[in-house]
Amino acid sequence: MEFNAKLQLAGLLEWMDRQMKSCGGQTAVIGISGGKDSSVVAALSVAAYGREHVYGVLMPDGVQPDIDYSRDLAELLGIPHCTIDIHAAVRGVLDQMEGVGFEPSRQTTVNLPSRIRMCTLYAVAQTLPAGIVINTSNLSEDWVGYCTVYGDSAGAFSPLGMYTTEEVIALGRELHLPEKFLIKPPSDGLTGLTDEDNLGFTYHAVNEYIRRGTVEPAVKEQIDRRHRTSRFKFQTMPVYQNGLPMAIPDETDFYNPNKK
């Protein structure tokens, strides 16, 4: 079935409005990287809530060569925004670790900026009137676990969480975003490599597998392994079900393992 971005937008914007109201929020707080995901989420939020209820946060880790994309996107949408350099915070944690004898691993240095960015977004959100952090991840990334738990995987809700990279681009075009924000190669902004360099396969391959079930056997094995080992990033934290009574009814599965 061909993807119909116009049809999808109507339901998505209504859903976003409901989610914001259920959170008691007034202001959508979005980390703006200038890539397609944050650009589309920002544009969706303007459409859903009005630009006066959207706040963009630009978070370079020191010098960021493509920071102009972020500024241009915020100015194009006319949303209030600020720039908060996270380099001192990142370096401060690493320096303190080294000071007590740790040698931070590569994984630590790659994931720490993402987690500090999310802490920064929540700090801004809790300073604004009823600010709510909106997640900007897409289905393709999430499917293979290409995200940082408690970093870019966080947020109150995820507008793009069930859309592939190609569908995100289609939504962006329907929202009339300039191509430069949609075709910028996806990267983590940390390692100097694109997402696909790090993964070892293309998002197109992931998308074809998700939507049509077609994939080369060798790539299928890699995707399945990454998907299987990353599910913990998207599940509610497990709690031990001790069998003790719960007098207060709960509508979720979190405290009620017997709920169907």
Protein backbone atom coordinates (compact mmCIF):
# COMPACT_ATOMS: atom_id res chain seq x y z
CA MET A 1 0.00 0.00 0.00
CA GLU A 2 1.37 3.39 -0.99
CA PHE A 3 2.09 5.77 1.88
CA ASN A 4 -0.37 8.69 1.95
CA ALA A 5 1.29 11.50 3.91
CA LYS A 6 -1.70 13.84 3.67
CA LEU A 7 -4.05 11.23 5.08
CA GLN A 8 -1.61 10.34 7.85
CA LEU A 9 -1.15 13.97 8.91
CA ALA A 10 -4.79 14.47 9.87
CA GLY A 11 -4.80 11.59 12.34
CA LEU A 12 -1.29 12.29 13.61
CA LEU A 13 -1.97 15.94 14.44
CA GLU A 14 -5.17 15.01 16.27
CA TRP A 15 -3.26 12.35 18.23
CA MET A 16 -0.52 14.84 19.15
CA ASP A 17 -3.13 17.26 20.45
CA ARG A 18 -4.67 14.55 22.62
CA GLN A 19 -1.28 13.48 23.95
CA MET A 20 -0.32 17.02 24.93
CA LYS A 21 -3.62 17.53 26.73
CA SER A 22 -3.25 14.21 28.56
CA CYS A 23 0.15 15.38 29.83
CA GLY A 24 -1.29 18.68 30.99
CA GLY A 25 1.22 20.43 28.72
CA GLN A 26 1.25 23.81 27.02
CA THR A 27 4.66 23.99 25.36
CA ALA A 28 6.31 21.37 23.13
CA VAL A 29 10.05 21.31 23.86
CA ILE A 30 12.13 19.86 21.02
CA GLY A 31 15.85 19.31 20.56
CA ILE A 32 16.61 20.79 17.14
CA SER A 33 19.44 19.09 15.24
CA GLY A 34 18.51 20.31 11.76
CA GLY A 35 17.97 16.75 10.52
CA LYS A 36 14.73 15.39 9.16
CA ASP A 37 13.38 13.91 12.40
CA SER A 38 13.64 16.97 14.64
CA SER A 39 12.64 19.22 11.73
CA VAL A 40 9.49 17.22 11.02
CA VAL A 41 8.57 16.95 14.72
CA ALA A 42 9.02 20.71 15.10
CA ALA A 43 6.87 21.39 12.04
CA LEU A 44 4.23 18.93 13.27
CA SER A 45 4.20 20.65 16.65
CA VAL A 46 3.71 24.06 15.04
CA ALA A 47 0.78 22.63 13.08
CA ALA A 48 -0.68 20.92 16.15
CA TYR A 49 -0.12 23.57 18.83
CA GLY A 50 0.83 26.86 17.15
CA ARG A 51 4.37 28.26 16.97
CA GLU A 52 3.93 30.18 20.22
CA HIS A 53 3.57 26.81 21.99
CA VAL A 54 6.75 25.25 20.57
CA TYR A 55 10.24 25.83 21.93
CA GLY A 56 13.39 24.64 20.18
CA VAL A 57 16.67 23.89 21.94
CA LEU A 58 19.92 23.75 19.98
CA MET A 59 22.58 21.79 21.84
CA PRO A 60 26.02 21.73 20.19
CA ASP A 61 28.82 19.85 21.92
CA GLY A 62 31.36 22.60 21.41
CA VAL A 63 31.87 23.38 17.73
CA GLN A 64 29.14 21.88 15.53
CA PRO A 65 29.78 22.41 11.80
CA ASP A 66 26.13 21.94 10.80
CA ILE A 67 24.57 24.11 13.54
CA ASP A 68 23.30 26.47 10.82
CA TYR A 69 20.73 23.81 9.86
CA SER A 70 19.27 24.02 13.34
CA ARG A 71 19.15 27.81 13.37
CA ASP A 72 17.66 27.95 9.88
CA LEU A 73 14.92 25.47 10.84
CA ALA A 74 13.96 27.41 13.99
CA GLU A 75 13.87 30.68 12.04
CA LEU A 76 11.90 29.12 9.17
CA LEU A 77 9.22 27.87 11.57
CA GLY A 78 9.30 31.10 13.57
CA ILE A 79 9.57 29.28 16.89
CA PRO A 80 11.25 30.68 20.00
CA HIS A 81 14.54 28.91 20.60
CA CYS A 82 17.85 29.03 22.40
CA THR A 83 21.33 27.54 22.07
CA ILE A 84 22.83 25.69 25.04
CA ASP A 85 26.37 24.39 24.56
CA ILE A 86 26.64 21.06 26.39
CA HIS A 87 30.42 20.72 26.00
CA ALA A 88 31.30 21.90 29.52
CA ALA A 89 28.77 19.48 31.04
CA VAL A 90 30.05 16.53 28.99
CA ARG A 91 33.67 17.37 29.67
CA GLY A 92 32.93 17.90 33.36
CA VAL A 93 31.57 14.37 33.80
CA LEU A 94 34.42 12.81 31.84
CA ASP A 95 37.03 14.82 33.78
CA GLN A 96 35.49 13.74 37.09
CA MET A 97 35.49 10.09 35.97
CA GLU A 98 39.14 10.33 34.99
CA GLY A 99 39.87 12.04 38.32
CA VAL A 100 38.70 8.98 40.25
CA GLY A 101 40.59 6.53 38.06
CA PHE A 102 38.13 5.64 35.31
CA GLU A 103 39.12 5.69 31.65
CA PRO A 104 35.80 6.40 29.87
CA SER A 105 35.04 3.85 27.18
CA ARG A 106 34.18 4.79 23.61
CA GLN A 107 30.57 3.88 24.32
CA THR A 108 30.57 6.25 27.29
CA THR A 109 31.94 9.17 25.27
CA VAL A 110 29.47 8.51 22.42
CA ASN A 111 26.33 8.13 24.59
CA LEU A 112 27.02 10.71 27.29
CA PRO A 113 26.27 13.77 25.09
CA SER A 114 22.89 12.29 24.13
CA ARG A 115 21.96 11.78 27.78
CA ILE A 116 23.11 15.27 28.72
CA ARG A 117 21.09 16.69 25.85
CA MET A 118 17.98 14.97 27.22
CA CYS A 119 18.72 16.27 30.74
CA THR A 120 19.03 19.73 29.20
CA LEU A 121 15.69 19.39 27.39
CA TYR A 122 13.95 18.39 30.61
CA ALA A 123 15.61 21.26 32.49
CA VAL A 124 14.29 23.69 29.88
CA ALA A 125 10.85 22.04 29.83
CA GLN A 126 10.52 22.31 33.60
CA THR A 127 11.42 26.00 33.42
CA LEU A 128 8.87 26.89 30.74
CA PRO A 129 5.10 27.02 31.37
CA ALA A 130 3.96 23.37 31.33
CA GLY A 131 6.79 22.30 29.02
CA ILE A 132 6.66 18.78 27.60
CA VAL A 133 9.65 17.10 25.91
CA ILE A 134 8.67 15.55 22.58
CA ASN A 135 10.64 12.55 21.30
CA THR A 136 12.06 12.80 17.77
CA SER A 137 13.04 9.17 17.02
CA ASN A 138 11.61 7.26 14.05
CA LEU A 139 10.59 3.63 13.58
CA SER A 140 13.63 2.67 11.49
CA GLU A 141 16.07 3.80 14.18
CA ASP A 142 14.03 2.35 17.00
CA TRP A 143 13.59 -0.99 15.24
CA VAL A 144 17.34 -1.65 15.31
CA GLY A 145 17.91 0.05 18.66
CA TYR A 146 19.87 2.92 17.17
CA CYS A 147 19.21 5.25 20.06
CA THR A 148 20.55 5.97 23.54
CA VAL A 149 18.44 4.75 26.44
CA TYR A 150 17.59 7.75 28.68
CA GLY A 151 18.98 9.90 25.87
CA ASP A 152 17.28 10.39 22.51
CA SER A 153 14.94 7.47 23.29
CA ALA A 154 13.21 9.57 25.99
CA GLY A 155 10.28 11.97 25.81
CA ALA A 156 6.63 12.20 26.80
CA PHE A 157 5.44 10.79 23.47
CA SER A 158 6.82 9.98 20.02
CA PRO A 159 5.04 11.37 16.93
CA LEU A 160 7.37 9.58 14.51
CA GLY A 161 7.78 6.33 16.43
CA MET A 162 5.73 4.34 13.91
CA TYR A 163 7.07 5.98 10.72
CA THR A 164 10.09 4.83 8.72
CA THR A 165 12.78 7.25 7.58
CA GLU A 166 11.24 7.43 4.10
CA GLU A 167 7.78 8.10 5.54
CA VAL A 168 9.21 10.86 7.74
CA ILE A 169 10.57 12.53 4.61
CA ALA A 170 7.16 12.25 2.94
CA LEU A 171 5.51 13.86 5.98
CA GLY A 172 8.09 16.65 5.86
CA ARG A 173 7.31 17.33 2.22
CA GLU A 174 3.60 17.41 2.97
CA LEU A 175 4.42 20.00 5.64
CA HIS A 176 6.33 22.00 2.96
CA LEU A 177 9.71 21.77 4.65
CA PRO A 178 12.66 22.64 2.38
CA GLU A 179 14.53 19.62 1.03
CA LYS A 180 17.76 20.53 2.81
CA PHE A 181 16.19 19.57 6.14
CA LEU A 182 14.92 16.25 4.76
CA ILE A 183 17.86 14.88 2.77
CA LYS A 184 20.67 15.64 5.25
CA PRO A 185 22.36 12.26 5.89
CA PRO A 186 21.28 11.01 9.32
CA SER A 187 24.12 10.96 11.85
CA ASP A 188 24.50 10.91 15.60
CA GLY A 189 26.37 14.22 15.49
CA LEU A 190 28.98 12.67 17.77
CA THR A 191 31.23 10.25 15.92
CA GLY A 192 31.52 11.97 12.54
CA LEU A 193 29.89 8.95 10.90
CA THR A 194 26.41 8.58 9.45
CA ASP A 195 23.93 6.23 11.07
CA GLU A 196 24.28 3.84 8.15
CA ASP A 197 28.09 3.83 8.49
CA ASN A 198 27.71 2.78 12.11
CA LEU A 199 24.99 0.22 11.44
CA GLY A 200 26.60 -1.48 8.45
CA PHE A 201 23.36 -1.49 6.41
CA THR A 202 20.96 1.10 5.00
CA TYR A 203 17.75 2.38 6.50
CA HIS A 204 16.13 1.58 3.16
CA ALA A 205 16.89 -2.08 3.84
CA VAL A 206 15.31 -1.77 7.30
CA ASN A 207 12.26 -0.05 5.83
CA GLU A 208 11.74 -2.69 3.13
CA TYR A 209 12.00 -5.39 5.79
CA ILE A 210 9.52 -3.67 8.12
CA ARG A 211 6.89 -2.78 5.53
CA ARG A 212 7.27 -5.54 2.92
CA GLY A 213 9.20 -8.32 4.60
CA THR A 214 11.86 -8.30 1.89
CA VAL A 215 15.52 -8.32 2.87
CA GLU A 216 18.77 -10.07 2.02
CA PRO A 217 19.47 -12.97 4.42
CA ALA A 218 22.75 -11.52 5.72
CA VAL A 219 21.15 -8.14 6.40
CA LYS A 220 18.09 -9.80 7.94
CA GLU A 221 20.33 -11.54 10.45
CA GLN A 222 21.94 -8.24 11.45
CA ILE A 223 18.62 -6.41 11.74
CA ASP A 224 17.01 -9.23 13.74
CA ARG A 225 19.94 -9.38 16.14
CA ARG A 226 19.92 -5.64 16.75
CA HIS A 227 16.15 -5.63 17.17
CA ARG A 228 16.20 -8.55 19.61
CA THR A 229 18.94 -7.15 21.83
CA SER A 230 17.57 -3.59 22.01
CA ARG A 231 13.97 -4.20 23.12
CA PHE A 232 14.80 -3.29 26.71
CA LYS A 233 15.21 0.33 25.57
CA PHE A 234 11.50 0.60 24.79
CA GLN A 235 9.89 -1.40 27.56
CA THR A 236 8.56 -0.13 30.85
CA MET A 237 11.06 -0.92 33.58
CA PRO A 238 10.30 -4.45 34.85
CA VAL A 239 9.21 -4.72 38.48
CA TYR A 240 9.15 -7.88 40.56
CA GLN A 241 5.59 -9.11 40.96
CA ASN A 242 5.66 -10.21 44.61
CA GLY A 243 2.05 -11.43 44.82
CA LEU A 244 1.08 -8.93 47.51
CA PRO A 245 -2.40 -7.38 47.20
CA MET A 246 -3.01 -4.07 45.41
CA ALA A 247 -6.12 -2.45 46.89
CA ILE A 248 -6.08 0.43 44.39
CA PRO A 249 -6.98 -0.56 40.79
CA ASP A 250 -4.47 0.34 38.09
CA GLU A 251 -5.33 0.83 34.40
CA THR A 252 -1.89 -0.15 33.08
CA ASP A 253 0.03 -3.40 32.98
CA PHE A 254 2.79 -1.98 35.19
CA TYR A 255 1.29 -2.95 38.55
CA ASN A 256 -1.19 -5.49 37.24
CA PRO A 257 0.45 -8.49 35.56
CA ASN A 258 -2.92 -10.21 35.14
CA LYS A 259 -4.47 -7.39 33.08
CA LYS A 260 -5.24 -8.55 29.53
